[in-house]
Amino acid sequence: MDSSAYIQLAIWLVGVLVAGGAVLWLWNTTLPRVFPGRVRGLRYGEALRLMLLAWLLFGAGAFGLTFALGAGLW
């Protein structure tokens, strides 16, 4: 792999980590208020697993990963 591939991989990884933080923040600020006592807050690892589950259920295209993994056309 050349250095540009490593840079793209690093950018993708940072994007996934930031998106996990966004899922964590959105879940913890919205759902416990909408459903008090029924829904608890998430931890960061749970937010990342929730993103992975959504990716598996709804397809990588929802997160733009289809293109990042080489399955689509730019």
PDB file of N, CA and C in Angstrom:
ATOM      1  N   MET A   1       0.851  -1.186   0.000  1.00  0.00           N
ATOM      2  CA  MET A   1       0.000   0.000   0.000  1.00  0.00           C
ATOM      3  C   MET A   1       0.888   1.238   0.000  1.00  0.00           C
ATOM      4  N   ASP A   2       0.456   2.213  -0.751  1.00  0.00           N
ATOM      5  CA  ASP A   2       1.210   3.467  -0.750  1.00  0.00           C
ATOM      6  C   ASP A   2       0.708   4.380   0.366  1.00  0.00           C
ATOM      7  N   SER A   3       1.391   5.479   0.546  1.00  0.00           N
ATOM      8  CA  SER A   3       1.071   6.359   1.677  1.00  0.00           C
ATOM      9  C   SER A   3      -0.312   6.988   1.548  1.00  0.00           C
ATOM     10  N   SER A   4      -0.800   7.224   0.336  1.00  0.00           N
ATOM     11  CA  SER A   4      -2.135   7.823   0.194  1.00  0.00           C
ATOM     12  C   SER A   4      -3.225   6.858   0.659  1.00  0.00           C
ATOM     13  N   ALA A   5      -2.996   5.550   0.487  1.00  0.00           N
ATOM     14  CA  ALA A   5      -3.968   4.568   0.973  1.00  0.00           C
ATOM     15  C   ALA A   5      -4.016   4.571   2.498  1.00  0.00           C
ATOM     16  N   TYR A   6      -2.866   4.724   3.135  1.00  0.00           N
ATOM     17  CA  TYR A   6      -2.832   4.801   4.601  1.00  0.00           C
ATOM     18  C   TYR A   6      -3.526   6.068   5.097  1.00  0.00           C
ATOM     19  N   ILE A   7      -3.358   7.142   4.380  1.00  0.00           N
ATOM     20  CA  ILE A   7      -4.009   8.399   4.766  1.00  0.00           C
ATOM     21  C   ILE A   7      -5.523   8.263   4.632  1.00  0.00           C
ATOM     22  N   GLN A   8      -5.976   7.662   3.549  1.00  0.00           N
ATOM     23  CA  GLN A   8      -7.418   7.462   3.361  1.00  0.00           C
ATOM     24  C   GLN A   8      -7.986   6.548   4.436  1.00  0.00           C
ATOM     25  N   LEU A   9      -7.257   5.493   4.781  1.00  0.00           N
ATOM     26  CA  LEU A   9      -7.696   4.585   5.835  1.00  0.00           C
ATOM     27  C   LEU A   9      -7.767   5.298   7.178  1.00  0.00           C
ATOM     28  N   ALA A  10      -6.789   6.146   7.469  1.00  0.00           N
ATOM     29  CA  ALA A  10      -6.792   6.902   8.723  1.00  0.00           C
ATOM     30  C   ALA A  10      -7.959   7.879   8.765  1.00  0.00           C
ATOM     31  N   ILE A  11      -8.236   8.540   7.644  1.00  0.00           N
ATOM     32  CA  ILE A  11      -9.375   9.465   7.585  1.00  0.00           C
ATOM     33  C   ILE A  11     -10.678   8.712   7.775  1.00  0.00           C
ATOM     34  N   TRP A  12     -10.802   7.538   7.158  1.00  0.00           N
ATOM     35  CA  TRP A  12     -12.003   6.730   7.302  1.00  0.00           C
ATOM     36  C   TRP A  12     -12.190   6.301   8.761  1.00  0.00           C
ATOM     37  N   LEU A  13     -11.104   5.871   9.401  1.00  0.00           N
ATOM     38  CA  LEU A  13     -11.175   5.437  10.799  1.00  0.00           C
ATOM     39  C   LEU A  13     -11.579   6.586  11.714  1.00  0.00           C
ATOM     40  N   VAL A  14     -11.012   7.755  11.512  1.00  0.00           N
ATOM     41  CA  VAL A  14     -11.392   8.927  12.308  1.00  0.00           C
ATOM     42  C   VAL A  14     -12.866   9.254  12.077  1.00  0.00           C
ATOM     43  N   GLY A  15     -13.324   9.137  10.839  1.00  0.00           N
ATOM     44  CA  GLY A  15     -14.733   9.385  10.535  1.00  0.00           C
ATOM     45  C   GLY A  15     -15.651   8.420  11.251  1.00  0.00           C
ATOM     46  N   VAL A  16     -15.276   7.148  11.299  1.00  0.00           N
ATOM     47  CA  VAL A  16     -16.086   6.150  12.008  1.00  0.00           C
ATOM     48  C   VAL A  16     -16.129   6.475  13.502  1.00  0.00           C
ATOM     49  N   LEU A  17     -14.998   6.856  14.068  1.00  0.00           N
ATOM     50  CA  LEU A  17     -14.964   7.184  15.498  1.00  0.00           C
ATOM     51  C   LEU A  17     -15.781   8.430  15.815  1.00  0.00           C
ATOM     52  N   VAL A  18     -15.725   9.419  14.937  1.00  0.00           N
ATOM     53  CA  VAL A  18     -16.526  10.637  15.125  1.00  0.00           C
ATOM     54  C   VAL A  18     -18.011  10.309  14.972  1.00  0.00           C
ATOM     55  N   ALA A  19     -18.350   9.482  13.994  1.00  0.00           N
ATOM     56  CA  ALA A  19     -19.752   9.090  13.807  1.00  0.00           C
ATOM     57  C   ALA A  19     -20.261   8.316  15.017  1.00  0.00           C
ATOM     58  N   GLY A  20     -19.409   7.490  15.614  1.00  0.00           N
ATOM     59  CA  GLY A  20     -19.797   6.787  16.839  1.00  0.00           C
ATOM     60  C   GLY A  20     -20.088   7.761  17.969  1.00  0.00           C
ATOM     61  N   GLY A  21     -19.289   8.805  18.066  1.00  0.00           N
ATOM     62  CA  GLY A  21     -19.552   9.843  19.066  1.00  0.00           C
ATOM     63  C   GLY A  21     -20.855  10.582  18.789  1.00  0.00           C
ATOM     64  N   ALA A  22     -21.154  10.788  17.510  1.00  0.00           N
ATOM     65  CA  ALA A  22     -22.414  11.453  17.149  1.00  0.00           C
ATOM     66  C   ALA A  22     -23.611  10.579  17.512  1.00  0.00           C
ATOM     67  N   VAL A  23     -23.507   9.269  17.247  1.00  0.00           N
ATOM     68  CA  VAL A  23     -24.585   8.348  17.625  1.00  0.00           C
ATOM     69  C   VAL A  23     -24.758   8.348  19.132  1.00  0.00           C
ATOM     70  N   LEU A  24     -23.663   8.309  19.861  1.00  0.00           N
ATOM     71  CA  LEU A  24     -23.707   8.336  21.327  1.00  0.00           C
ATOM     72  C   LEU A  24     -24.406   9.599  21.822  1.00  0.00           C
ATOM     73  N   TRP A  25     -24.007  10.734  21.296  1.00  0.00           N
ATOM     74  CA  TRP A  25     -24.576  12.008  21.738  1.00  0.00           C
ATOM     75  C   TRP A  25     -26.060  12.097  21.388  1.00  0.00           C
ATOM     76  N   LEU A  26     -26.411  11.732  20.151  1.00  0.00           N
ATOM     77  CA  LEU A  26     -27.817  11.807  19.743  1.00  0.00           C
ATOM     78  C   LEU A  26     -28.693  10.869  20.559  1.00  0.00           C
ATOM     79  N   TRP A  27     -28.216   9.653  20.798  1.00  0.00           N
ATOM     80  CA  TRP A  27     -28.994   8.687  21.585  1.00  0.00           C
ATOM     81  C   TRP A  27     -29.189   9.209  23.003  1.00  0.00           C
ATOM     82  N   ASN A  28     -28.087   9.626  23.640  1.00  0.00           N
ATOM     83  CA  ASN A  28     -28.148  10.011  25.055  1.00  0.00           C
ATOM     84  C   ASN A  28     -28.890  11.320  25.287  1.00  0.00           C
ATOM     85  N   THR A  29     -28.982  12.189  24.281  1.00  0.00           N
ATOM     86  CA  THR A  29     -29.712  13.433  24.483  1.00  0.00           C
ATOM     87  C   THR A  29     -31.166  13.336  24.043  1.00  0.00           C
ATOM     88  N   THR A  30     -31.514  12.296  23.298  1.00  0.00           N
ATOM     89  CA  THR A  30     -32.876  12.218  22.776  1.00  0.00           C
ATOM     90  C   THR A  30     -33.719  11.123  23.420  1.00  0.00           C
ATOM     91  N   LEU A  31     -33.297   9.881  23.302  1.00  0.00           N
ATOM     92  CA  LEU A  31     -34.156   8.765  23.682  1.00  0.00           C
ATOM     93  C   LEU A  31     -34.486   8.678  25.167  1.00  0.00           C
ATOM     94  N   PRO A  32     -33.542   8.892  26.088  1.00  0.00           N
ATOM     95  CA  PRO A  32     -33.942   8.847  27.497  1.00  0.00           C
ATOM     96  C   PRO A  32     -34.960   9.937  27.870  1.00  0.00           C
ATOM     97  N   ARG A  33     -34.973  11.055  27.137  1.00  0.00           N
ATOM     98  CA  ARG A  33     -35.966  12.105  27.416  1.00  0.00           C
ATOM     99  C   ARG A  33     -37.323  11.763  26.809  1.00  0.00           C
ATOM    100  N   VAL A  34     -37.308  11.105  25.654  1.00  0.00           N
ATOM    101  CA  VAL A  34     -38.568  10.738  25.009  1.00  0.00           C
ATOM    102  C   VAL A  34     -39.222   9.574  25.742  1.00  0.00           C
ATOM    103  N   PHE A  35     -38.405   8.621  26.192  1.00  0.00           N
ATOM    104  CA  PHE A  35     -38.902   7.444  26.907  1.00  0.00           C
ATOM    105  C   PHE A  35     -38.263   7.368  28.292  1.00  0.00           C
ATOM    106  N   PRO A  36     -38.657   8.244  29.210  1.00  0.00           N
ATOM    107  CA  PRO A  36     -38.007   8.261  30.532  1.00  0.00           C
ATOM    108  C   PRO A  36     -38.265   6.962  31.296  1.00  0.00           C
ATOM    109  N   GLY A  37     -37.209   6.418  31.855  1.00  0.00           N
ATOM    110  CA  GLY A  37     -37.321   5.203  32.640  1.00  0.00           C
ATOM    111  C   GLY A  37     -37.324   3.932  31.818  1.00  0.00           C
ATOM    112  N   ARG A  38     -37.474   4.035  30.504  1.00  0.00           N
ATOM    113  CA  ARG A  38     -37.524   2.844  29.654  1.00  0.00           C
ATOM    114  C   ARG A  38     -36.246   2.640  28.852  1.00  0.00           C
ATOM    115  N   VAL A  39     -35.565   3.727  28.519  1.00  0.00           N
ATOM    116  CA  VAL A  39     -34.360   3.647  27.696  1.00  0.00           C
ATOM    117  C   VAL A  39     -33.214   4.253  28.489  1.00  0.00           C
ATOM    118  N   ARG A  40     -32.128   3.509  28.575  1.00  0.00           N
ATOM    119  CA  ARG A  40     -30.962   4.023  29.301  1.00  0.00           C
ATOM    120  C   ARG A  40     -29.975   4.626  28.313  1.00  0.00           C
ATOM    121  N   GLY A  41     -29.032   5.360  28.829  1.00  0.00           N
ATOM    122  CA  GLY A  41     -27.999   5.947  27.987  1.00  0.00           C
ATOM    123  C   GLY A  41     -27.006   4.895  27.507  1.00  0.00           C
ATOM    124  N   LEU A  42     -26.351   5.183  26.404  1.00  0.00           N
ATOM    125  CA  LEU A  42     -25.357   4.275  25.832  1.00  0.00           C
ATOM    126  C   LEU A  42     -23.955   4.658  26.281  1.00  0.00           C
ATOM    127  N   ARG A  43     -23.061   3.685  26.240  1.00  0.00           N
ATOM    128  CA  ARG A  43     -21.634   3.953  26.368  1.00  0.00           C
ATOM    129  C   ARG A  43     -21.058   3.992  24.957  1.00  0.00           C
ATOM    130  N   TYR A  44     -19.817   4.450  24.819  1.00  0.00           N
ATOM    131  CA  TYR A  44     -19.220   4.647  23.502  1.00  0.00           C
ATOM    132  C   TYR A  44     -19.125   3.337  22.703  1.00  0.00           C
ATOM    133  N   GLY A  45     -18.702   2.275  23.342  1.00  0.00           N
ATOM    134  CA  GLY A  45     -18.597   0.981  22.664  1.00  0.00           C
ATOM    135  C   GLY A  45     -19.948   0.482  22.175  1.00  0.00           C
ATOM    136  N   GLU A  46     -20.983   0.729  22.962  1.00  0.00           N
ATOM    137  CA  GLU A  46     -22.332   0.336  22.541  1.00  0.00           C
ATOM    138  C   GLU A  46     -22.791   1.143  21.332  1.00  0.00           C
ATOM    139  N   ALA A  47     -22.411   2.417  21.287  1.00  0.00           N
ATOM    140  CA  ALA A  47     -22.764   3.244  20.134  1.00  0.00           C
ATOM    141  C   ALA A  47     -22.071   2.737  18.874  1.00  0.00           C
ATOM    142  N   LEU A  48     -20.811   2.331  18.986  1.00  0.00           N
ATOM    143  CA  LEU A  48     -20.100   1.778  17.830  1.00  0.00           C
ATOM    144  C   LEU A  48     -20.743   0.462  17.385  1.00  0.00           C
ATOM    145  N   ARG A  49     -21.141  -0.375  18.345  1.00  0.00           N
ATOM    146  CA  ARG A  49     -21.811  -1.628  17.974  1.00  0.00           C
ATOM    147  C   ARG A  49     -23.169  -1.368  17.341  1.00  0.00           C
ATOM    148  N   LEU A  50     -23.867  -0.353  17.800  1.00  0.00           N
ATOM    149  CA  LEU A  50     -25.138   0.012  17.190  1.00  0.00           C
ATOM    150  C   LEU A  50     -24.939   0.467  15.751  1.00  0.00           C
ATOM    151  N   MET A  51     -23.873   1.224  15.498  1.00  0.00           N
ATOM    152  CA  MET A  51     -23.556   1.627  14.124  1.00  0.00           C
ATOM    153  C   MET A  51     -23.242   0.410  13.262  1.00  0.00           C
ATOM    154  N   LEU A  52     -22.486  -0.539  13.793  1.00  0.00           N
ATOM    155  CA  LEU A  52     -22.159  -1.750  13.048  1.00  0.00           C
ATOM    156  C   LEU A  52     -23.422  -2.545  12.745  1.00  0.00           C
ATOM    157  N   LEU A  53     -24.311  -2.651  13.714  1.00  0.00           N
ATOM    158  CA  LEU A  53     -25.569  -3.363  13.500  1.00  0.00           C
ATOM    159  C   LEU A  53     -26.405  -2.685  12.419  1.00  0.00           C
ATOM    160  N   ALA A  54     -26.492  -1.369  12.464  1.00  0.00           N
ATOM    161  CA  ALA A  54     -27.240  -0.642  11.438  1.00  0.00           C
ATOM    162  C   ALA A  54     -26.604  -0.843  10.073  1.00  0.00           C
ATOM    163  N   TRP A  55     -25.273  -0.886  10.027  1.00  0.00           N
ATOM    164  CA  TRP A  55     -24.570  -1.114   8.769  1.00  0.00           C
ATOM    165  C   TRP A  55     -24.887  -2.500   8.214  1.00  0.00           C
ATOM    166  N   LEU A  56     -24.920  -3.493   9.086  1.00  0.00           N
ATOM    167  CA  LEU A  56     -25.228  -4.847   8.637  1.00  0.00           C
ATOM    168  C   LEU A  56     -26.679  -4.988   8.204  1.00  0.00           C
ATOM    169  N   LEU A  57     -27.600  -4.329   8.906  1.00  0.00           N
ATOM    170  CA  LEU A  57     -29.021  -4.472   8.596  1.00  0.00           C
ATOM    171  C   LEU A  57     -29.464  -3.652   7.393  1.00  0.00           C
ATOM    172  N   PHE A  58     -28.964  -2.450   7.271  1.00  0.00           N
ATOM    173  CA  PHE A  58     -29.465  -1.533   6.257  1.00  0.00           C
ATOM    174  C   PHE A  58     -28.497  -1.308   5.107  1.00  0.00           C
ATOM    175  N   GLY A  59     -27.345  -1.893   5.159  1.00  0.00           N
ATOM    176  CA  GLY A  59     -26.390  -1.786   4.066  1.00  0.00           C
ATOM    177  C   GLY A  59     -25.369  -0.693   4.286  1.00  0.00           C
ATOM    178  N   ALA A  60     -24.222  -0.913   3.723  1.00  0.00           N
ATOM    179  CA  ALA A  60     -23.121   0.011   3.904  1.00  0.00           C
ATOM    180  C   ALA A  60     -23.370   1.336   3.216  1.00  0.00           C
ATOM    181  N   GLY A  61     -24.267   1.378   2.245  1.00  0.00           N
ATOM    182  CA  GLY A  61     -24.548   2.618   1.545  1.00  0.00           C
ATOM    183  C   GLY A  61     -25.093   3.701   2.448  1.00  0.00           C
ATOM    184  N   ALA A  62     -25.714   3.307   3.567  1.00  0.00           N
ATOM    185  CA  ALA A  62     -26.273   4.279   4.489  1.00  0.00           C
ATOM    186  C   ALA A  62     -25.187   5.136   5.121  1.00  0.00           C
ATOM    187  N   PHE A  63     -23.985   4.597   5.264  1.00  0.00           N
ATOM    188  CA  PHE A  63     -22.884   5.335   5.875  1.00  0.00           C
ATOM    189  C   PHE A  63     -21.818   5.726   4.865  1.00  0.00           C
ATOM    190  N   GLY A  64     -22.046   5.429   3.580  1.00  0.00           N
ATOM    191  CA  GLY A  64     -21.067   5.738   2.572  1.00  0.00           C
ATOM    192  C   GLY A  64     -19.910   4.747   2.535  1.00  0.00           C
ATOM    193  N   LEU A  65     -20.034   3.627   3.242  1.00  0.00           N
ATOM    194  CA  LEU A  65     -18.940   2.668   3.301  1.00  0.00           C
ATOM    195  C   LEU A  65     -18.887   1.779   2.071  1.00  0.00           C
ATOM    196  N   THR A  66     -19.965   1.710   1.316  1.00  0.00           N
ATOM    197  CA  THR A  66     -19.940   0.911   0.095  1.00  0.00           C
ATOM    198  C   THR A  66     -18.820   1.409  -0.804  1.00  0.00           C
ATOM    199  N   PHE A  67     -18.705   2.699  -0.938  1.00  0.00           N
ATOM    200  CA  PHE A  67     -17.674   3.269  -1.777  1.00  0.00           C
ATOM    201  C   PHE A  67     -16.304   3.130  -1.149  1.00  0.00           C
ATOM    202  N   ALA A  68     -16.227   3.293   0.160  1.00  0.00           N
ATOM    203  CA  ALA A  68     -14.944   3.202   0.842  1.00  0.00           C
ATOM    204  C   ALA A  68     -14.376   1.785   0.778  1.00  0.00           C
ATOM    205  N   LEU A  69     -15.259   0.789   0.726  1.00  0.00           N
ATOM    206  CA  LEU A  69     -14.804  -0.594   0.676  1.00  0.00           C
ATOM    207  C   LEU A  69     -14.582  -1.080  -0.753  1.00  0.00           C
ATOM    208  N   GLY A  70     -14.798  -0.202  -1.737  1.00  0.00           N
ATOM    209  CA  GLY A  70     -14.511  -0.561  -3.109  1.00  0.00           C
ATOM    210  C   GLY A  70     -15.639  -1.252  -3.833  1.00  0.00           C
ATOM    211  N   ALA A  71     -16.847  -1.285  -3.254  1.00  0.00           N
ATOM    212  CA  ALA A  71     -17.965  -1.971  -3.889  1.00  0.00           C
ATOM    213  C   ALA A  71     -18.776  -1.051  -4.790  1.00  0.00           C
ATOM    214  N   GLY A  72     -18.443   0.206  -4.837  1.00  0.00           N
ATOM    215  CA  GLY A  72     -19.205   1.141  -5.664  1.00  0.00           C
ATOM    216  C   GLY A  72     -18.285   1.980  -6.542  1.00  0.00           C
ATOM    217  N   LEU A  73     -18.888   2.790  -7.337  1.00  0.00           N
ATOM    218  CA  LEU A  73     -18.127   3.684  -8.207  1.00  0.00           C
ATOM    219  C   LEU A  73     -18.070   5.063  -7.584  1.00  0.00           C
ATOM    220  N   TRP A  74     -16.945   5.733  -7.697  1.00  0.00           N
ATOM    221  CA  TRP A  74     -16.826   7.080  -7.163  1.00  0.00           C
ATOM    222  C   TRP A  74     -17.542   7.989  -8.093  1.00  0.00           C
TER     223      TRP A  74
END
